Every structure is written in C-alpha cells, then in structure tokens.
Amino acid sequence: MTLKELGTELFQMYTKAENGYKVTSIYLFGIKYSNYIKEKGYSANDIIQASNLKPSFKTELSKALKLSIFVRLVD
C-alpha cells in the first residue's frame, strides 16, 4: 500500500463515518494500519497530507499509532 493509498483509505474512513465518530475513525485507521505504517516509516504528518484532511488531525493519528501497541482489533 502506497502513501497515497493510505491517505485515500483514511479519507474514505473519515468521510464515511457517522457524525460524532469522525475522529474515532482516525483512531481506528491508525490502530488498523499501525504496523504497516511503522514498517514503512511513514509519519502521521505524511499520511494526513496524503489524505487531504485538516493538518491538525496529525495529532489524532499520532495518538492512535501510539495507542496501537495496547489495542487489538477484533472482527
């Protein structure tokens, strides 16, 4: 998955989220893709820029990436 594809996925998750869950979708994205993001060396800022979301959301994505070591997604 390229940086552009990650940005597109984040944008889609954010825009499809119901009102009240938009920022939560950023956390979910960060947790879901954290291992890949870290493996590729992408920064939260890189991904937010690729997603065309507000630059201030890089803080939320950074939090999600840090939180990911404590959280496990279930189906």
PDB file of N, CA and C in Angstrom:
ATOM      1  N   MET A   1       0.863  -1.176   0.000  1.00  0.00           N
ATOM      2  CA  MET A   1       0.000   0.000   0.000  1.00  0.00           C
ATOM      3  C   MET A   1       0.909   1.239   0.000  1.00  0.00           C
ATOM      4  N   THR A   2       0.672   2.113  -0.927  1.00  0.00           N
ATOM      5  CA  THR A   2       1.481   3.324  -1.016  1.00  0.00           C
ATOM      6  C   THR A   2       0.977   4.379  -0.030  1.00  0.00           C
ATOM      7  N   LEU A   3       1.756   5.416   0.122  1.00  0.00           N
ATOM      8  CA  LEU A   3       1.359   6.529   0.977  1.00  0.00           C
ATOM      9  C   LEU A   3       0.055   7.145   0.471  1.00  0.00           C
ATOM     10  N   LYS A   4      -0.054   7.282  -0.834  1.00  0.00           N
ATOM     11  CA  LYS A   4      -1.274   7.834  -1.426  1.00  0.00           C
ATOM     12  C   LYS A   4      -2.477   6.944  -1.118  1.00  0.00           C
ATOM     13  N   GLU A   5      -2.305   5.636  -1.225  1.00  0.00           N
ATOM     14  CA  GLU A   5      -3.394   4.711  -0.926  1.00  0.00           C
ATOM     15  C   GLU A   5      -3.802   4.767   0.544  1.00  0.00           C
ATOM     16  N   LEU A   6      -2.833   4.893   1.429  1.00  0.00           N
ATOM     17  CA  LEU A   6      -3.145   5.061   2.852  1.00  0.00           C
ATOM     18  C   LEU A   6      -3.945   6.335   3.072  1.00  0.00           C
ATOM     19  N   GLY A   7      -3.524   7.412   2.420  1.00  0.00           N
ATOM     20  CA  GLY A   7      -4.243   8.683   2.530  1.00  0.00           C
ATOM     21  C   GLY A   7      -5.665   8.566   2.032  1.00  0.00           C
ATOM     22  N   THR A   8      -5.840   7.865   0.928  1.00  0.00           N
ATOM     23  CA  THR A   8      -7.183   7.667   0.377  1.00  0.00           C
ATOM     24  C   THR A   8      -8.041   6.851   1.329  1.00  0.00           C
ATOM     25  N   GLU A   9      -7.482   5.796   1.891  1.00  0.00           N
ATOM     26  CA  GLU A   9      -8.226   4.955   2.837  1.00  0.00           C
ATOM     27  C   GLU A   9      -8.643   5.755   4.074  1.00  0.00           C
ATOM     28  N   LEU A  10      -7.729   6.553   4.596  1.00  0.00           N
ATOM     29  CA  LEU A  10      -8.055   7.379   5.759  1.00  0.00           C
ATOM     30  C   LEU A  10      -9.157   8.375   5.417  1.00  0.00           C
ATOM     31  N   PHE A  11      -9.057   9.018   4.281  1.00  0.00           N
ATOM     32  CA  PHE A  11     -10.075   9.978   3.862  1.00  0.00           C
ATOM     33  C   PHE A  11     -11.440   9.298   3.743  1.00  0.00           C
ATOM     34  N   GLN A  12     -11.459   8.123   3.150  1.00  0.00           N
ATOM     35  CA  GLN A  12     -12.725   7.404   2.991  1.00  0.00           C
ATOM     36  C   GLN A  12     -13.316   6.992   4.336  1.00  0.00           C
ATOM     37  N   MET A  13     -12.467   6.487   5.222  1.00  0.00           N
ATOM     38  CA  MET A  13     -12.965   6.098   6.541  1.00  0.00           C
ATOM     39  C   MET A  13     -13.532   7.306   7.275  1.00  0.00           C
ATOM     40  N   TYR A  14     -12.850   8.432   7.166  1.00  0.00           N
ATOM     41  CA  TYR A  14     -13.280   9.653   7.849  1.00  0.00           C
ATOM     42  C   TYR A  14     -14.605  10.157   7.277  1.00  0.00           C
ATOM     43  N   THR A  15     -14.694  10.234   5.966  1.00  0.00           N
ATOM     44  CA  THR A  15     -15.896  10.808   5.356  1.00  0.00           C
ATOM     45  C   THR A  15     -17.104   9.885   5.463  1.00  0.00           C
ATOM     46  N   LYS A  16     -16.882   8.583   5.543  1.00  0.00           N
ATOM     47  CA  LYS A  16     -17.991   7.637   5.672  1.00  0.00           C
ATOM     48  C   LYS A  16     -18.471   7.471   7.108  1.00  0.00           C
ATOM     49  N   ALA A  17     -17.682   7.933   8.062  1.00  0.00           N
ATOM     50  CA  ALA A  17     -18.057   7.789   9.472  1.00  0.00           C
ATOM     51  C   ALA A  17     -19.261   8.668   9.794  1.00  0.00           C
ATOM     52  N   GLU A  18     -20.110   8.164  10.667  1.00  0.00           N
ATOM     53  CA  GLU A  18     -21.275   8.929  11.101  1.00  0.00           C
ATOM     54  C   GLU A  18     -20.825  10.139  11.914  1.00  0.00           C
ATOM     55  N   ASN A  19     -21.683  11.147  11.962  1.00  0.00           N
ATOM     56  CA  ASN A  19     -21.395  12.308  12.794  1.00  0.00           C
ATOM     57  C   ASN A  19     -21.175  11.834  14.222  1.00  0.00           C
ATOM     58  N   GLY A  20     -20.198  12.411  14.863  1.00  0.00           N
ATOM     59  CA  GLY A  20     -19.845  12.020  16.216  1.00  0.00           C
ATOM     60  C   GLY A  20     -18.779  10.930  16.257  1.00  0.00           C
ATOM     61  N   TYR A  21     -18.477  10.347  15.095  1.00  0.00           N
ATOM     62  CA  TYR A  21     -17.487   9.273  15.025  1.00  0.00           C
ATOM     63  C   TYR A  21     -16.379   9.558  14.012  1.00  0.00           C
ATOM     64  N   LYS A  22     -16.312  10.780  13.532  1.00  0.00           N
ATOM     65  CA  LYS A  22     -15.304  11.131  12.520  1.00  0.00           C
ATOM     66  C   LYS A  22     -13.890  10.960  13.070  1.00  0.00           C
ATOM     67  N   VAL A  23     -13.619  11.555  14.235  1.00  0.00           N
ATOM     68  CA  VAL A  23     -12.276  11.456  14.824  1.00  0.00           C
ATOM     69  C   VAL A  23     -12.003  10.020  15.261  1.00  0.00           C
ATOM     70  N   THR A  24     -13.031   9.328  15.715  1.00  0.00           N
ATOM     71  CA  THR A  24     -12.876   7.924  16.087  1.00  0.00           C
ATOM     72  C   THR A  24     -12.395   7.110  14.895  1.00  0.00           C
ATOM     73  N   SER A  25     -12.840   7.465  13.702  1.00  0.00           N
ATOM     74  CA  SER A  25     -12.399   6.742  12.510  1.00  0.00           C
ATOM     75  C   SER A  25     -10.903   6.933  12.267  1.00  0.00           C
ATOM     76  N   ILE A  26     -10.364   8.067  12.658  1.00  0.00           N
ATOM     77  CA  ILE A  26      -8.920   8.297  12.540  1.00  0.00           C
ATOM     78  C   ILE A  26      -8.176   7.366  13.491  1.00  0.00           C
ATOM     79  N   TYR A  27      -8.697   7.228  14.714  1.00  0.00           N
ATOM     80  CA  TYR A  27      -8.086   6.300  15.673  1.00  0.00           C
ATOM     81  C   TYR A  27      -8.139   4.872  15.149  1.00  0.00           C
ATOM     82  N   LEU A  28      -9.279   4.486  14.617  1.00  0.00           N
ATOM     83  CA  LEU A  28      -9.427   3.138  14.086  1.00  0.00           C
ATOM     84  C   LEU A  28      -8.447   2.893  12.942  1.00  0.00           C
ATOM     85  N   PHE A  29      -8.329   3.853  12.050  1.00  0.00           N
ATOM     86  CA  PHE A  29      -7.377   3.744  10.943  1.00  0.00           C
ATOM     87  C   PHE A  29      -5.959   3.557  11.484  1.00  0.00           C
ATOM     88  N   GLY A  30      -5.576   4.404  12.434  1.00  0.00           N
ATOM     89  CA  GLY A  30      -4.219   4.338  12.988  1.00  0.00           C
ATOM     90  C   GLY A  30      -3.918   3.006  13.644  1.00  0.00           C
ATOM     91  N   ILE A  31      -4.895   2.467  14.354  1.00  0.00           N
ATOM     92  CA  ILE A  31      -4.710   1.178  15.005  1.00  0.00           C
ATOM     93  C   ILE A  31      -4.658   0.060  13.963  1.00  0.00           C
ATOM     94  N   LYS A  32      -5.559   0.114  13.022  1.00  0.00           N
ATOM     95  CA  LYS A  32      -5.640  -0.927  11.996  1.00  0.00           C
ATOM     96  C   LYS A  32      -4.377  -1.026  11.143  1.00  0.00           C
ATOM     97  N   TYR A  33      -3.811   0.100  10.773  1.00  0.00           N
ATOM     98  CA  TYR A  33      -2.673   0.117   9.861  1.00  0.00           C
ATOM     99  C   TYR A  33      -1.342   0.451  10.552  1.00  0.00           C
ATOM    100  N   SER A  34      -1.321   0.465  11.864  1.00  0.00           N
ATOM    101  CA  SER A  34      -0.125   0.919  12.589  1.00  0.00           C
ATOM    102  C   SER A  34       1.128   0.129  12.246  1.00  0.00           C
ATOM    103  N   ASN A  35       1.026  -1.187  12.211  1.00  0.00           N
ATOM    104  CA  ASN A  35       2.216  -1.991  11.925  1.00  0.00           C
ATOM    105  C   ASN A  35       2.776  -1.673  10.543  1.00  0.00           C
ATOM    106  N   TYR A  36       1.915  -1.554   9.578  1.00  0.00           N
ATOM    107  CA  TYR A  36       2.356  -1.246   8.216  1.00  0.00           C
ATOM    108  C   TYR A  36       2.963   0.157   8.149  1.00  0.00           C
ATOM    109  N   ILE A  37       2.308   1.108   8.782  1.00  0.00           N
ATOM    110  CA  ILE A  37       2.794   2.495   8.783  1.00  0.00           C
ATOM    111  C   ILE A  37       4.177   2.564   9.404  1.00  0.00           C
ATOM    112  N   LYS A  38       4.350   1.888  10.524  1.00  0.00           N
ATOM    113  CA  LYS A  38       5.658   1.892  11.205  1.00  0.00           C
ATOM    114  C   LYS A  38       6.706   1.169  10.377  1.00  0.00           C
ATOM    115  N   GLU A  39       6.324   0.043   9.774  1.00  0.00           N
ATOM    116  CA  GLU A  39       7.241  -0.736   8.944  1.00  0.00           C
ATOM    117  C   GLU A  39       7.776   0.089   7.777  1.00  0.00           C
ATOM    118  N   LYS A  40       6.897   0.876   7.158  1.00  0.00           N
ATOM    119  CA  LYS A  40       7.291   1.691   6.008  1.00  0.00           C
ATOM    120  C   LYS A  40       7.944   3.012   6.411  1.00  0.00           C
ATOM    121  N   GLY A  41       7.862   3.363   7.691  1.00  0.00           N
ATOM    122  CA  GLY A  41       8.493   4.595   8.156  1.00  0.00           C
ATOM    123  C   GLY A  41       7.713   5.855   7.825  1.00  0.00           C
ATOM    124  N   TYR A  42       6.411   5.702   7.570  1.00  0.00           N
ATOM    125  CA  TYR A  42       5.581   6.873   7.295  1.00  0.00           C
ATOM    126  C   TYR A  42       5.281   7.614   8.593  1.00  0.00           C
ATOM    127  N   SER A  43       5.172   8.910   8.506  1.00  0.00           N
ATOM    128  CA  SER A  43       4.803   9.711   9.682  1.00  0.00           C
ATOM    129  C   SER A  43       3.315  10.031   9.611  1.00  0.00           C
ATOM    130  N   ALA A  44       2.770  10.390  10.757  1.00  0.00           N
ATOM    131  CA  ALA A  44       1.366  10.808  10.803  1.00  0.00           C
ATOM    132  C   ALA A  44       1.164  12.007   9.885  1.00  0.00           C
ATOM    133  N   ASN A  45       2.113  12.907   9.872  1.00  0.00           N
ATOM    134  CA  ASN A  45       2.018  14.090   9.018  1.00  0.00           C
ATOM    135  C   ASN A  45       1.965  13.710   7.540  1.00  0.00           C
ATOM    136  N   ASP A  46       2.809  12.750   7.133  1.00  0.00           N
ATOM    137  CA  ASP A  46       2.808  12.283   5.736  1.00  0.00           C
ATOM    138  C   ASP A  46       1.426  11.777   5.338  1.00  0.00           C
ATOM    139  N   ILE A  47       0.837  10.965   6.199  1.00  0.00           N
ATOM    140  CA  ILE A  47      -0.452  10.342   5.890  1.00  0.00           C
ATOM    141  C   ILE A  47      -1.572  11.372   5.876  1.00  0.00           C
ATOM    142  N   ILE A  48      -1.564  12.280   6.835  1.00  0.00           N
ATOM    143  CA  ILE A  48      -2.593  13.321   6.871  1.00  0.00           C
ATOM    144  C   ILE A  48      -2.502  14.189   5.626  1.00  0.00           C
ATOM    145  N   GLN A  49      -1.300  14.535   5.205  1.00  0.00           N
ATOM    146  CA  GLN A  49      -1.153  15.322   3.976  1.00  0.00           C
ATOM    147  C   GLN A  49      -1.682  14.551   2.774  1.00  0.00           C
ATOM    148  N   ALA A  50      -1.407  13.257   2.724  1.00  0.00           N
ATOM    149  CA  ALA A  50      -1.880  12.436   1.604  1.00  0.00           C
ATOM    150  C   ALA A  50      -3.401  12.275   1.625  1.00  0.00           C
ATOM    151  N   SER A  51      -4.005  12.444   2.792  1.00  0.00           N
ATOM    152  CA  SER A  51      -5.457  12.265   2.918  1.00  0.00           C
ATOM    153  C   SER A  51      -6.245  13.536   2.628  1.00  0.00           C
ATOM    154  N   ASN A  52      -5.570  14.665   2.608  1.00  0.00           N
ATOM    155  CA  ASN A  52      -6.211  15.972   2.431  1.00  0.00           C
ATOM    156  C   ASN A  52      -7.162  16.332   3.571  1.00  0.00           C
ATOM    157  N   LEU A  53      -6.957  15.722   4.749  1.00  0.00           N
ATOM    158  CA  LEU A  53      -7.716  16.126   5.934  1.00  0.00           C
ATOM    159  C   LEU A  53      -7.011  17.309   6.580  1.00  0.00           C
ATOM    160  N   LYS A  54      -7.670  17.913   7.554  1.00  0.00           N
ATOM    161  CA  LYS A  54      -7.081  19.070   8.231  1.00  0.00           C
ATOM    162  C   LYS A  54      -5.744  18.685   8.866  1.00  0.00           C
ATOM    163  N   PRO A  55      -4.718  19.531   8.729  1.00  0.00           N
ATOM    164  CA  PRO A  55      -3.400  19.235   9.305  1.00  0.00           C
ATOM    165  C   PRO A  55      -3.437  18.954  10.809  1.00  0.00           C
ATOM    166  N   SER A  56      -4.380  19.531  11.500  1.00  0.00           N
ATOM    167  CA  SER A  56      -4.461  19.307  12.945  1.00  0.00           C
ATOM    168  C   SER A  56      -4.779  17.847  13.289  1.00  0.00           C
ATOM    169  N   PHE A  57      -5.299  17.086  12.348  1.00  0.00           N
ATOM    170  CA  PHE A  57      -5.604  15.682  12.604  1.00  0.00           C
ATOM    171  C   PHE A  57      -4.361  14.815  12.732  1.00  0.00           C
ATOM    172  N   LYS A  58      -3.188  15.357  12.403  1.00  0.00           N
ATOM    173  CA  LYS A  58      -1.975  14.560  12.578  1.00  0.00           C
ATOM    174  C   LYS A  58      -1.763  14.226  14.050  1.00  0.00           C
ATOM    175  N   THR A  59      -2.228  15.094  14.942  1.00  0.00           N
ATOM    176  CA  THR A  59      -2.134  14.812  16.373  1.00  0.00           C
ATOM    177  C   THR A  59      -2.978  13.599  16.731  1.00  0.00           C
ATOM    178  N   GLU A  60      -4.174  13.524  16.186  1.00  0.00           N
ATOM    179  CA  GLU A  60      -5.058  12.390  16.471  1.00  0.00           C
ATOM    180  C   GLU A  60      -4.480  11.090  15.909  1.00  0.00           C
ATOM    181  N   LEU A  61      -3.933  11.149  14.718  1.00  0.00           N
ATOM    182  CA  LEU A  61      -3.334   9.954  14.128  1.00  0.00           C
ATOM    183  C   LEU A  61      -2.100   9.530  14.921  1.00  0.00           C
ATOM    184  N   SER A  62      -1.306  10.472  15.369  1.00  0.00           N
ATOM    185  CA  SER A  62      -0.135  10.152  16.199  1.00  0.00           C
ATOM    186  C   SER A  62      -0.557   9.436  17.477  1.00  0.00           C
ATOM    187  N   LYS A  63      -1.624   9.913  18.097  1.00  0.00           N
ATOM    188  CA  LYS A  63      -2.142   9.266  19.306  1.00  0.00           C
ATOM    189  C   LYS A  63      -2.560   7.833  19.007  1.00  0.00           C
ATOM    190  N   ALA A  64      -3.229   7.633  17.886  1.00  0.00           N
ATOM    191  CA  ALA A  64      -3.691   6.294  17.515  1.00  0.00           C
ATOM    192  C   ALA A  64      -2.514   5.349  17.297  1.00  0.00           C
ATOM    193  N   LEU A  65      -1.468   5.838  16.656  1.00  0.00           N
ATOM    194  CA  LEU A  65      -0.301   4.997  16.410  1.00  0.00           C
ATOM    195  C   LEU A  65       0.363   4.590  17.717  1.00  0.00           C
ATOM    196  N   LYS A  66       0.413   5.488  18.674  1.00  0.00           N
ATOM    197  CA  LYS A  66       0.973   5.151  19.989  1.00  0.00           C
ATOM    198  C   LYS A  66       0.058   4.190  20.737  1.00  0.00           C
ATOM    199  N   LEU A  67      -1.214   4.419  20.653  1.00  0.00           N
ATOM    200  CA  LEU A  67      -2.203   3.584  21.328  1.00  0.00           C
ATOM    201  C   LEU A  67      -2.234   2.161  20.771  1.00  0.00           C
ATOM    202  N   SER A  68      -1.846   2.005  19.535  1.00  0.00           N
ATOM    203  CA  SER A  68      -1.962   0.708  18.858  1.00  0.00           C
ATOM    204  C   SER A  68      -1.202  -0.414  19.553  1.00  0.00           C
ATOM    205  N   ILE A  69      -0.181  -0.105  20.313  1.00  0.00           N
ATOM    206  CA  ILE A  69       0.552  -1.173  20.996  1.00  0.00           C
ATOM    207  C   ILE A  69      -0.237  -1.760  22.161  1.00  0.00           C
ATOM    208  N   PHE A  70      -1.282  -1.074  22.572  1.00  0.00           N
ATOM    209  CA  PHE A  70      -2.107  -1.520  23.690  1.00  0.00           C
ATOM    210  C   PHE A  70      -3.466  -2.070  23.260  1.00  0.00           C
ATOM    211  N   VAL A  71      -3.791  -1.966  21.972  1.00  0.00           N
ATOM    212  CA  VAL A  71      -5.136  -2.290  21.484  1.00  0.00           C
ATOM    213  C   VAL A  71      -5.051  -3.385  20.434  1.00  0.00           C
ATOM    214  N   ARG A  72      -6.015  -4.270  20.458  1.00  0.00           N
ATOM    215  CA  ARG A  72      -6.115  -5.316  19.453  1.00  0.00           C
ATOM    216  C   ARG A  72      -7.509  -5.234  18.846  1.00  0.00           C
ATOM    217  N   LEU A  73      -7.587  -5.171  17.527  1.00  0.00           N
ATOM    218  CA  LEU A  73      -8.872  -5.145  16.842  1.00  0.00           C
ATOM    219  C   LEU A  73      -9.453  -6.547  16.768  1.00  0.00           C
ATOM    220  N   VAL A  74     -10.738  -6.635  16.941  1.00  0.00           N
ATOM    221  CA  VAL A  74     -11.430  -7.922  16.810  1.00  0.00           C
ATOM    222  C   VAL A  74     -12.450  -7.809  15.703  1.00  0.00           C
ATOM    223  N   ASP A  75     -12.760  -8.910  15.086  1.00  0.00           N
ATOM    224  CA  ASP A  75     -13.752  -8.909  13.997  1.00  0.00           C
ATOM    225  C   ASP A  75     -15.148  -8.973  14.541  1.00  0.00           C
TER     226      ASP A  75
END
